[in-house]
Structure formats: C-alpha cells, structure tokens
Amino acid sequence: MIIESSYEPDKAVWTQADYEHMCWHDVSVHGFAIQVQEGTWHHNLLLDIDYILKWVSPTPPNMNFSFWVAPCTLVFKNVFDLEIATEHVGGRLQVPEIESLGLVGSFEQEKGVSVYEWHLSFHNFGDIWLKSYGFTQILRAAPVLTGSQALSIEERDGISFDNTPYK
C-alpha cells in the first residue's frame, strides 16, 4: 500500500558541492555519451540515469520498498584520465546499475580550479575512473512513485542527455 501521493525535491540541479548528500546506489544508467565542447579541448561525460530521489519503506502487510525516481542527466565536466573497464556478463545484456559513485580525492590544479577524481562501480558491468572539474546532475522531469528502481523507456520519455532542468 503506497501512502505518499507526491514528492517535490529540494532542487533540480546538483553539483559536486551536494555530493555528501547524494546517493547513486542502484541507479540505472540508460546511456553514456561524450560531449565535445566546440572550440576547446574539453569533453564532458554524460550519463542518462534514473535517479532514486527517495526510498519509501514498505507499509505492512506489503514487504516491498517503493521509490521516487526521476530521469536525470549526470554530467562530469572537462573529463580526462578516463578509464572504463567492463566485465564479461553472461546471458542477456541488462541496463547497468551503479553500485557506488565514490569521490577518490580532489586537488587544486591551478588557482581556483579544482579537479575531482571519481570512481563509478557498477553491478555486473565494470568500473569507470575519471578526473573532472566537477559534476552537474540535472533533474529532467517530475519524480514518479514506482515499485521499481528504474523507469520504463515510456515513463522516462526515451533516452536523453538534455541539460534543461525540470520546472
């Protein structure tokens, strides 16, 4: 039995400053893209994800969690030292799920420019290591209450790397 009828997140855009208050555990990744910033040597790594905004505890007799989920674009800015290691996954290919997104460390590259080292670990997919000038995560649509940790392609309106925030 689901009691909550609506959920409004505090914001529609997050950055590395919000990292300590965010969690990507079990977040589904529907697509990866590398975005070239015209006229520069900079490239962004974009992930099309179903971000889990809130886990809703089950109400007895129901034993299953529900989730407030929304499609988001996760952008790692000015990426370098990118390493992707995939695992062999037998059987059918599944949508990768993030196990964890860890901040390995950060340092000041030049005055006022911070570099962050990230490690993304996936369930049954592999790992990504990268350095970037930070991240931005953009909420693209209103959250949906669902019994699943991922939205269907129809619920999320397809695959997208749009950077336009919801509302």
N, C-alpha and C. Protein backbone atom coordinates (compact mmCIF):
# COMPACT_ATOMS: atom_id res chain seq x y z
N MET A 1 0.84 -1.18 0.00
CA MET A 1 0.00 0.00 0.00
C MET A 1 0.89 1.25 0.00
N ILE A 2 0.73 2.07 -1.00
CA ILE A 2 1.52 3.28 -1.13
C ILE A 2 0.73 4.45 -0.57
N ILE A 3 1.33 5.18 0.37
CA ILE A 3 0.64 6.27 1.03
C ILE A 3 0.98 7.62 0.42
N GLU A 4 2.27 7.86 0.10
CA GLU A 4 2.69 9.15 -0.44
C GLU A 4 2.10 9.36 -1.83
N SER A 5 1.55 10.55 -2.07
CA SER A 5 0.96 10.83 -3.38
C SER A 5 1.79 11.82 -4.18
N SER A 6 2.71 12.51 -3.53
CA SER A 6 3.59 13.42 -4.28
C SER A 6 4.91 13.59 -3.54
N TYR A 7 5.90 13.98 -4.31
CA TYR A 7 7.22 14.24 -3.74
C TYR A 7 7.86 15.35 -4.57
N GLU A 8 8.28 16.38 -3.92
CA GLU A 8 8.92 17.51 -4.60
C GLU A 8 10.35 17.64 -4.07
N PRO A 9 11.36 17.39 -4.94
CA PRO A 9 12.74 17.51 -4.48
C PRO A 9 13.10 18.96 -4.16
N ASP A 10 14.12 19.14 -3.34
CA ASP A 10 14.56 20.47 -2.92
C ASP A 10 15.08 21.30 -4.08
N LYS A 11 15.66 20.63 -5.08
CA LYS A 11 16.24 21.34 -6.22
C LYS A 11 16.20 20.47 -7.46
N ALA A 12 16.49 21.07 -8.60
CA ALA A 12 16.50 20.35 -9.87
C ALA A 12 17.91 20.22 -10.45
N VAL A 13 18.88 20.89 -9.84
CA VAL A 13 20.27 20.81 -10.30
C VAL A 13 21.18 20.65 -9.08
N TRP A 14 22.03 19.62 -9.14
CA TRP A 14 23.00 19.36 -8.09
C TRP A 14 24.41 19.46 -8.67
N THR A 15 25.40 19.71 -7.81
CA THR A 15 26.79 19.76 -8.22
C THR A 15 27.63 18.97 -7.22
N GLN A 16 28.94 18.97 -7.46
CA GLN A 16 29.84 18.28 -6.53
C GLN A 16 29.73 18.82 -5.11
N ALA A 17 29.26 20.04 -4.94
CA ALA A 17 29.05 20.60 -3.60
C ALA A 17 27.98 19.83 -2.82
N ASP A 18 27.09 19.14 -3.56
CA ASP A 18 26.00 18.36 -2.95
C ASP A 18 26.37 16.89 -2.75
N TYR A 19 27.56 16.50 -3.18
CA TYR A 19 27.96 15.10 -3.21
C TYR A 19 27.67 14.36 -1.90
N GLU A 20 28.03 14.94 -0.78
CA GLU A 20 27.88 14.27 0.51
C GLU A 20 26.42 13.94 0.86
N HIS A 21 25.47 14.59 0.21
CA HIS A 21 24.05 14.38 0.50
C HIS A 21 23.35 13.55 -0.57
N MET A 22 24.13 12.99 -1.48
CA MET A 22 23.55 12.25 -2.60
C MET A 22 23.97 10.79 -2.53
N CYS A 23 23.17 9.94 -3.19
CA CYS A 23 23.48 8.51 -3.25
C CYS A 23 23.07 7.98 -4.63
N TRP A 24 23.95 7.23 -5.26
CA TRP A 24 23.66 6.68 -6.58
C TRP A 24 23.50 5.17 -6.52
N HIS A 25 23.41 4.58 -5.33
CA HIS A 25 23.29 3.12 -5.21
C HIS A 25 22.03 2.63 -5.92
N ASP A 26 22.20 1.65 -6.80
CA ASP A 26 21.13 1.02 -7.58
C ASP A 26 20.51 1.94 -8.65
N VAL A 27 21.17 3.04 -8.98
CA VAL A 27 20.68 3.95 -10.02
C VAL A 27 20.96 3.33 -11.39
N SER A 28 19.94 3.25 -12.24
CA SER A 28 20.07 2.68 -13.58
C SER A 28 20.65 3.70 -14.55
N VAL A 29 21.54 3.21 -15.43
CA VAL A 29 22.15 4.05 -16.46
C VAL A 29 21.64 3.58 -17.82
N HIS A 30 20.92 4.46 -18.52
CA HIS A 30 20.34 4.09 -19.81
C HIS A 30 21.24 4.45 -20.99
N GLY A 31 22.22 5.34 -20.77
CA GLY A 31 23.10 5.70 -21.87
C GLY A 31 24.31 6.49 -21.39
N PHE A 32 25.37 6.39 -22.18
CA PHE A 32 26.60 7.13 -21.95
C PHE A 32 26.88 7.94 -23.22
N ALA A 33 27.44 9.13 -23.07
CA ALA A 33 27.84 9.93 -24.23
C ALA A 33 29.04 10.78 -23.88
N ILE A 34 29.85 11.07 -24.87
CA ILE A 34 30.95 12.01 -24.71
C ILE A 34 30.59 13.23 -25.53
N GLN A 35 30.57 14.37 -24.87
CA GLN A 35 30.18 15.64 -25.48
C GLN A 35 31.43 16.50 -25.67
N VAL A 36 31.71 16.83 -26.92
CA VAL A 36 32.84 17.70 -27.23
C VAL A 36 32.36 19.14 -27.08
N GLN A 37 33.12 19.93 -26.35
CA GLN A 37 32.79 21.34 -26.21
C GLN A 37 33.48 22.08 -27.36
N GLU A 38 32.67 22.55 -28.30
CA GLU A 38 33.18 23.18 -29.52
C GLU A 38 34.25 24.23 -29.23
N GLY A 39 35.33 24.19 -30.03
CA GLY A 39 36.37 25.19 -29.92
C GLY A 39 37.31 25.00 -28.74
N THR A 40 37.19 23.88 -28.02
CA THR A 40 38.07 23.62 -26.87
C THR A 40 38.59 22.19 -26.94
N TRP A 41 39.48 21.87 -26.03
CA TRP A 41 39.97 20.51 -25.87
C TRP A 41 39.17 19.76 -24.80
N HIS A 42 38.13 20.40 -24.29
CA HIS A 42 37.38 19.82 -23.18
C HIS A 42 36.25 18.91 -23.68
N HIS A 43 36.05 17.83 -22.94
CA HIS A 43 34.99 16.88 -23.23
C HIS A 43 34.25 16.58 -21.93
N ASN A 44 32.94 16.46 -22.03
CA ASN A 44 32.11 16.07 -20.88
C ASN A 44 31.68 14.62 -21.06
N LEU A 45 31.57 13.91 -19.95
CA LEU A 45 30.99 12.57 -19.95
C LEU A 45 29.58 12.70 -19.42
N LEU A 46 28.60 12.28 -20.22
CA LEU A 46 27.19 12.38 -19.83
C LEU A 46 26.61 11.00 -19.60
N LEU A 47 25.82 10.87 -18.54
CA LEU A 47 25.10 9.63 -18.26
C LEU A 47 23.61 9.95 -18.16
N ASP A 48 22.81 9.18 -18.85
CA ASP A 48 21.35 9.29 -18.76
C ASP A 48 20.92 8.28 -17.69
N ILE A 49 20.46 8.79 -16.54
CA ILE A 49 20.18 7.92 -15.39
C ILE A 49 18.74 8.08 -14.89
N ASP A 50 18.29 7.07 -14.16
CA ASP A 50 17.06 7.14 -13.37
C ASP A 50 17.51 7.31 -11.92
N TYR A 51 17.51 8.55 -11.44
CA TYR A 51 18.00 8.83 -10.10
C TYR A 51 16.92 8.52 -9.07
N ILE A 52 17.29 7.78 -8.03
CA ILE A 52 16.36 7.44 -6.95
C ILE A 52 16.43 8.57 -5.93
N LEU A 53 15.41 9.40 -5.91
CA LEU A 53 15.37 10.54 -5.00
C LEU A 53 15.02 10.14 -3.58
N LYS A 54 14.20 9.10 -3.45
CA LYS A 54 13.77 8.70 -2.11
C LYS A 54 13.35 7.24 -2.12
N TRP A 55 13.80 6.51 -1.12
CA TRP A 55 13.35 5.13 -0.89
C TRP A 55 12.20 5.22 0.10
N VAL A 56 11.08 4.58 -0.20
CA VAL A 56 9.90 4.60 0.66
C VAL A 56 9.75 3.23 1.32
N SER A 57 9.81 3.21 2.64
CA SER A 57 9.70 1.96 3.39
C SER A 57 8.33 1.32 3.16
N PRO A 58 8.31 -0.01 3.16
CA PRO A 58 7.03 -0.70 2.96
C PRO A 58 6.08 -0.50 4.14
N THR A 59 4.81 -0.50 3.82
CA THR A 59 3.77 -0.42 4.84
C THR A 59 3.14 -1.81 4.95
N PRO A 60 3.25 -2.47 6.11
CA PRO A 60 2.70 -3.83 6.25
C PRO A 60 1.22 -3.87 5.84
N PRO A 61 0.80 -4.89 5.20
CA PRO A 61 1.49 -6.17 5.00
C PRO A 61 2.44 -6.18 3.80
N ASN A 62 2.50 -5.10 3.04
CA ASN A 62 3.42 -5.03 1.91
C ASN A 62 4.86 -5.13 2.41
N MET A 63 5.68 -5.92 1.75
CA MET A 63 7.07 -6.12 2.17
C MET A 63 8.07 -5.45 1.24
N ASN A 64 7.58 -4.80 0.18
CA ASN A 64 8.48 -4.22 -0.82
C ASN A 64 8.60 -2.71 -0.69
N PHE A 65 9.81 -2.22 -0.92
CA PHE A 65 10.04 -0.78 -0.96
C PHE A 65 9.42 -0.19 -2.22
N SER A 66 9.11 1.09 -2.17
CA SER A 66 8.74 1.88 -3.34
C SER A 66 9.80 2.95 -3.48
N PHE A 67 9.82 3.61 -4.64
CA PHE A 67 10.89 4.56 -4.92
C PHE A 67 10.35 5.77 -5.67
N TRP A 68 10.82 6.96 -5.29
CA TRP A 68 10.59 8.17 -6.07
C TRP A 68 11.78 8.29 -7.02
N VAL A 69 11.50 8.13 -8.32
CA VAL A 69 12.55 8.07 -9.34
C VAL A 69 12.28 9.13 -10.41
N ALA A 70 13.35 9.74 -10.91
CA ALA A 70 13.21 10.72 -11.99
C ALA A 70 14.38 10.58 -12.97
N PRO A 71 14.10 10.80 -14.26
CA PRO A 71 15.20 10.80 -15.23
C PRO A 71 16.08 12.03 -15.02
N CYS A 72 17.39 11.81 -15.04
CA CYS A 72 18.37 12.88 -14.85
C CYS A 72 19.51 12.73 -15.85
N THR A 73 20.18 13.83 -16.09
CA THR A 73 21.43 13.81 -16.85
C THR A 73 22.55 14.14 -15.87
N LEU A 74 23.50 13.21 -15.76
CA LEU A 74 24.67 13.39 -14.91
C LEU A 74 25.83 13.76 -15.82
N VAL A 75 26.39 14.95 -15.62
CA VAL A 75 27.45 15.47 -16.48
C VAL A 75 28.73 15.63 -15.67
N PHE A 76 29.77 14.90 -16.05
CA PHE A 76 31.10 15.11 -15.49
C PHE A 76 31.80 16.09 -16.43
N LYS A 77 32.23 17.23 -15.88
CA LYS A 77 32.73 18.34 -16.68
C LYS A 77 34.24 18.25 -16.94
N ASN A 78 34.60 18.50 -18.20
CA ASN A 78 36.01 18.56 -18.60
C ASN A 78 36.77 17.31 -18.15
N VAL A 79 36.33 16.17 -18.62
CA VAL A 79 36.86 14.88 -18.19
C VAL A 79 38.23 14.60 -18.82
N PHE A 80 39.11 14.01 -18.00
CA PHE A 80 40.38 13.49 -18.51
C PHE A 80 40.78 12.28 -17.68
N ASP A 81 41.80 11.57 -18.12
CA ASP A 81 42.23 10.32 -17.48
C ASP A 81 41.06 9.35 -17.31
N LEU A 82 40.24 9.24 -18.35
CA LEU A 82 39.07 8.36 -18.34
C LEU A 82 39.50 6.92 -18.58
N GLU A 83 39.05 6.04 -17.71
CA GLU A 83 39.32 4.61 -17.86
C GLU A 83 38.02 3.85 -17.63
N ILE A 84 37.67 3.00 -18.59
CA ILE A 84 36.46 2.19 -18.50
C ILE A 84 36.86 0.73 -18.57
N ALA A 85 36.48 -0.04 -17.56
CA ALA A 85 36.78 -1.47 -17.51
C ALA A 85 35.46 -2.22 -17.39
N THR A 86 35.11 -2.95 -18.43
CA THR A 86 33.84 -3.69 -18.39
C THR A 86 34.11 -5.15 -18.03
N GLU A 87 33.10 -5.77 -17.46
CA GLU A 87 33.17 -7.18 -17.11
C GLU A 87 32.41 -7.97 -18.17
N HIS A 88 32.79 -9.20 -18.35
CA HIS A 88 32.01 -10.09 -19.20
C HIS A 88 30.75 -10.48 -18.43
N VAL A 89 29.62 -10.19 -19.02
CA VAL A 89 28.35 -10.51 -18.37
C VAL A 89 27.67 -11.55 -19.23
N GLY A 90 27.57 -12.79 -18.73
CA GLY A 90 26.93 -13.84 -19.47
C GLY A 90 25.42 -13.62 -19.56
N GLY A 91 24.79 -14.27 -20.52
CA GLY A 91 23.35 -14.13 -20.68
C GLY A 91 23.00 -12.84 -21.40
N ARG A 92 21.82 -12.33 -21.13
CA ARG A 92 21.36 -11.14 -21.85
C ARG A 92 21.91 -9.86 -21.23
N LEU A 93 22.08 -8.86 -22.06
CA LEU A 93 22.57 -7.57 -21.61
C LEU A 93 21.47 -6.86 -20.82
N GLN A 94 21.83 -6.29 -19.69
CA GLN A 94 20.89 -5.57 -18.85
C GLN A 94 21.33 -4.13 -18.71
N VAL A 95 20.39 -3.27 -18.32
CA VAL A 95 20.72 -1.87 -18.05
C VAL A 95 21.67 -1.85 -16.86
N PRO A 96 22.85 -1.21 -17.01
CA PRO A 96 23.79 -1.16 -15.88
C PRO A 96 23.20 -0.39 -14.71
N GLU A 97 23.52 -0.84 -13.51
CA GLU A 97 23.14 -0.15 -12.28
C GLU A 97 24.40 0.25 -11.54
N ILE A 98 24.41 1.49 -11.06
CA ILE A 98 25.55 1.97 -10.28
C ILE A 98 25.51 1.33 -8.90
N GLU A 99 26.62 0.77 -8.50
CA GLU A 99 26.74 0.26 -7.13
C GLU A 99 27.15 1.41 -6.21
N SER A 100 28.12 2.20 -6.69
CA SER A 100 28.55 3.37 -5.90
C SER A 100 29.24 4.37 -6.82
N LEU A 101 29.17 5.63 -6.42
CA LEU A 101 29.92 6.70 -7.08
C LEU A 101 30.76 7.32 -5.97
N GLY A 102 32.05 7.05 -6.04
CA GLY A 102 32.94 7.49 -4.97
C GLY A 102 33.83 8.64 -5.38
N LEU A 103 34.00 9.57 -4.48
CA LEU A 103 34.97 10.65 -4.66
C LEU A 103 36.29 10.14 -4.11
N VAL A 104 37.24 9.87 -5.00
CA VAL A 104 38.53 9.33 -4.61
C VAL A 104 39.38 10.41 -3.96
N GLY A 105 39.30 11.63 -4.49
CA GLY A 105 40.05 12.74 -3.95
C GLY A 105 39.87 13.98 -4.80
N SER A 106 40.42 15.08 -4.34
CA SER A 106 40.37 16.32 -5.11
C SER A 106 41.63 17.13 -4.84
N PHE A 107 41.96 17.96 -5.79
CA PHE A 107 43.13 18.83 -5.63
C PHE A 107 42.92 20.07 -6.48
N GLU A 108 43.66 21.11 -6.16
CA GLU A 108 43.57 22.35 -6.92
C GLU A 108 44.62 22.29 -8.02
N GLN A 109 44.15 22.28 -9.28
CA GLN A 109 45.06 22.17 -10.42
C GLN A 109 45.77 23.49 -10.68
N GLU A 110 45.03 24.55 -10.60
CA GLU A 110 45.55 25.90 -10.70
C GLU A 110 44.67 26.76 -9.82
N LYS A 111 45.05 27.98 -9.60
CA LYS A 111 44.31 28.84 -8.67
C LYS A 111 42.82 28.89 -9.03
N GLY A 112 41.99 28.41 -8.12
CA GLY A 112 40.55 28.46 -8.30
C GLY A 112 39.96 27.34 -9.15
N VAL A 113 40.78 26.40 -9.64
CA VAL A 113 40.26 25.30 -10.47
C VAL A 113 40.52 23.98 -9.75
N SER A 114 39.46 23.37 -9.27
CA SER A 114 39.57 22.09 -8.57
C SER A 114 39.37 20.93 -9.53
N VAL A 115 40.11 19.88 -9.31
CA VAL A 115 39.97 18.64 -10.06
C VAL A 115 39.52 17.57 -9.08
N TYR A 116 38.54 16.78 -9.51
CA TYR A 116 37.98 15.72 -8.68
C TYR A 116 38.25 14.37 -9.35
N GLU A 117 38.64 13.39 -8.54
CA GLU A 117 38.83 12.03 -9.03
C GLU A 117 37.62 11.21 -8.60
N TRP A 118 36.99 10.53 -9.57
CA TRP A 118 35.77 9.76 -9.32
C TRP A 118 35.99 8.29 -9.68
N HIS A 119 35.26 7.43 -8.96
CA HIS A 119 35.20 6.01 -9.29
C HIS A 119 33.74 5.59 -9.28
N LEU A 120 33.27 5.15 -10.43
CA LEU A 120 31.92 4.61 -10.53
C LEU A 120 32.04 3.10 -10.62
N SER A 121 31.42 2.42 -9.69
CA SER A 121 31.39 0.96 -9.67
C SER A 121 29.97 0.52 -10.02
N PHE A 122 29.86 -0.48 -10.92
CA PHE A 122 28.56 -0.93 -11.39
C PHE A 122 28.31 -2.38 -10.98
N HIS A 123 27.05 -2.71 -10.75
CA HIS A 123 26.65 -4.11 -10.55
C HIS A 123 26.77 -4.80 -11.91
N ASN A 124 27.52 -5.86 -12.01
CA ASN A 124 27.60 -6.69 -13.22
C ASN A 124 27.88 -5.92 -14.49
N PHE A 125 28.74 -4.90 -14.43
CA PHE A 125 29.08 -4.16 -15.64
C PHE A 125 30.56 -3.81 -15.66
N GLY A 126 31.11 -3.35 -14.54
CA GLY A 126 32.51 -2.96 -14.51
C GLY A 126 32.70 -1.68 -13.71
N ASP A 127 33.71 -0.91 -14.10
CA ASP A 127 34.08 0.30 -13.37
C ASP A 127 34.47 1.40 -14.34
N ILE A 128 34.30 2.64 -13.88
CA ILE A 128 34.77 3.81 -14.60
C ILE A 128 35.56 4.66 -13.61
N TRP A 129 36.75 5.08 -14.01
CA TRP A 129 37.56 6.01 -13.23
C TRP A 129 37.76 7.24 -14.10
N LEU A 130 37.71 8.41 -13.51
CA LEU A 130 37.91 9.63 -14.29
C LEU A 130 38.30 10.77 -13.38
N LYS A 131 38.85 11.79 -14.00
CA LYS A 131 39.08 13.06 -13.33
C LYS A 131 38.25 14.09 -14.07
N SER A 132 37.71 15.06 -13.32
CA SER A 132 36.88 16.09 -13.94
C SER A 132 36.95 17.36 -13.12
N TYR A 133 36.38 18.41 -13.69
CA TYR A 133 36.30 19.69 -12.97
C TYR A 133 35.03 19.74 -12.12
N GLY A 134 34.41 18.60 -11.90
CA GLY A 134 33.20 18.52 -11.08
C GLY A 134 32.08 17.86 -11.86
N PHE A 135 30.90 17.89 -11.30
CA PHE A 135 29.74 17.34 -11.99
C PHE A 135 28.53 18.24 -11.80
N THR A 136 27.59 18.05 -12.69
CA THR A 136 26.26 18.64 -12.58
C THR A 136 25.27 17.52 -12.83
N GLN A 137 24.26 17.42 -12.00
CA GLN A 137 23.18 16.46 -12.24
C GLN A 137 21.89 17.24 -12.38
N ILE A 138 21.21 17.02 -13.52
CA ILE A 138 20.02 17.79 -13.86
C ILE A 138 18.79 16.89 -13.83
N LEU A 139 17.82 17.25 -13.00
CA LEU A 139 16.53 16.57 -12.95
C LEU A 139 15.72 17.03 -14.16
N ARG A 140 15.33 16.09 -15.04
CA ARG A 140 14.67 16.46 -16.30
C ARG A 140 13.15 16.38 -16.26
N ALA A 141 12.59 15.69 -15.28
CA ALA A 141 11.14 15.50 -15.22
C ALA A 141 10.71 15.30 -13.77
N ALA A 142 9.42 15.40 -13.55
CA ALA A 142 8.88 15.19 -12.20
C ALA A 142 9.13 13.76 -11.74
N PRO A 143 9.40 13.56 -10.46
CA PRO A 143 9.60 12.22 -9.93
C PRO A 143 8.33 11.38 -10.05
N VAL A 144 8.54 10.07 -10.22
CA VAL A 144 7.46 9.11 -10.33
C VAL A 144 7.59 8.11 -9.19
N LEU A 145 6.49 7.82 -8.51
CA LEU A 145 6.49 6.79 -7.47
C LEU A 145 6.28 5.45 -8.14
N THR A 146 7.21 4.53 -7.91
CA THR A 146 7.16 3.25 -8.59
C THR A 146 7.66 2.14 -7.67
N GLY A 147 7.28 0.93 -7.98
CA GLY A 147 7.75 -0.23 -7.24
C GLY A 147 9.09 -0.73 -7.75
N SER A 148 9.63 -0.06 -8.77
CA SER A 148 10.89 -0.44 -9.38
C SER A 148 11.92 0.68 -9.19
N GLN A 149 13.18 0.32 -9.22
CA GLN A 149 14.23 1.34 -9.09
C GLN A 149 14.57 2.00 -10.42
N ALA A 150 13.94 1.54 -11.48
CA ALA A 150 14.16 2.12 -12.81
C ALA A 150 12.82 2.37 -13.49
N LEU A 151 12.82 3.37 -14.35
CA LEU A 151 11.63 3.70 -15.13
C LEU A 151 11.68 2.99 -16.47
N SER A 152 10.52 2.76 -17.05
CA SER A 152 10.47 2.20 -18.39
C SER A 152 10.85 3.30 -19.39
N ILE A 153 11.18 2.91 -20.58
CA ILE A 153 11.52 3.89 -21.62
C ILE A 153 10.35 4.84 -21.84
N GLU A 154 9.13 4.35 -21.77
CA GLU A 154 7.94 5.19 -21.95
C GLU A 154 7.80 6.18 -20.79
N GLU A 155 7.99 5.72 -19.55
CA GLU A 155 7.87 6.58 -18.39
C GLU A 155 8.90 7.70 -18.38
N ARG A 156 10.07 7.42 -18.94
CA ARG A 156 11.15 8.41 -18.92
C ARG A 156 11.24 9.18 -20.24
N ASP A 157 10.32 8.91 -21.15
CA ASP A 157 10.26 9.61 -22.44
C ASP A 157 11.53 9.39 -23.26
N GLY A 158 12.00 8.15 -23.28
CA GLY A 158 13.14 7.77 -24.11
C GLY A 158 14.48 8.04 -23.46
N ILE A 159 15.53 7.95 -24.27
CA ILE A 159 16.90 8.22 -23.84
C ILE A 159 17.18 9.68 -24.13
N SER A 160 17.83 10.37 -23.18
CA SER A 160 18.10 11.79 -23.38
C SER A 160 19.33 12.22 -22.58
N PHE A 161 20.03 13.19 -23.15
CA PHE A 161 21.15 13.82 -22.44
C PHE A 161 20.88 15.33 -22.31
N ASP A 162 19.61 15.67 -22.29
CA ASP A 162 19.20 17.07 -22.19
C ASP A 162 19.69 17.68 -20.87
N ASN A 163 20.07 18.95 -20.94
CA ASN A 163 20.57 19.66 -19.76
C ASN A 163 19.57 20.68 -19.25
N THR A 164 18.32 20.59 -19.69
CA THR A 164 17.29 21.54 -19.27
C THR A 164 16.63 21.01 -18.00
N PRO A 165 16.72 21.76 -16.88
CA PRO A 165 16.12 21.31 -15.63
C PRO A 165 14.59 21.33 -15.68
N TYR A 166 14.01 20.38 -14.94
CA TYR A 166 12.57 20.30 -14.74
C TYR A 166 12.11 21.57 -14.03
N LYS A 167 11.02 22.12 -14.47
CA LYS A 167 10.40 23.35 -13.95
C LYS A 167 11.20 24.49 -14.40
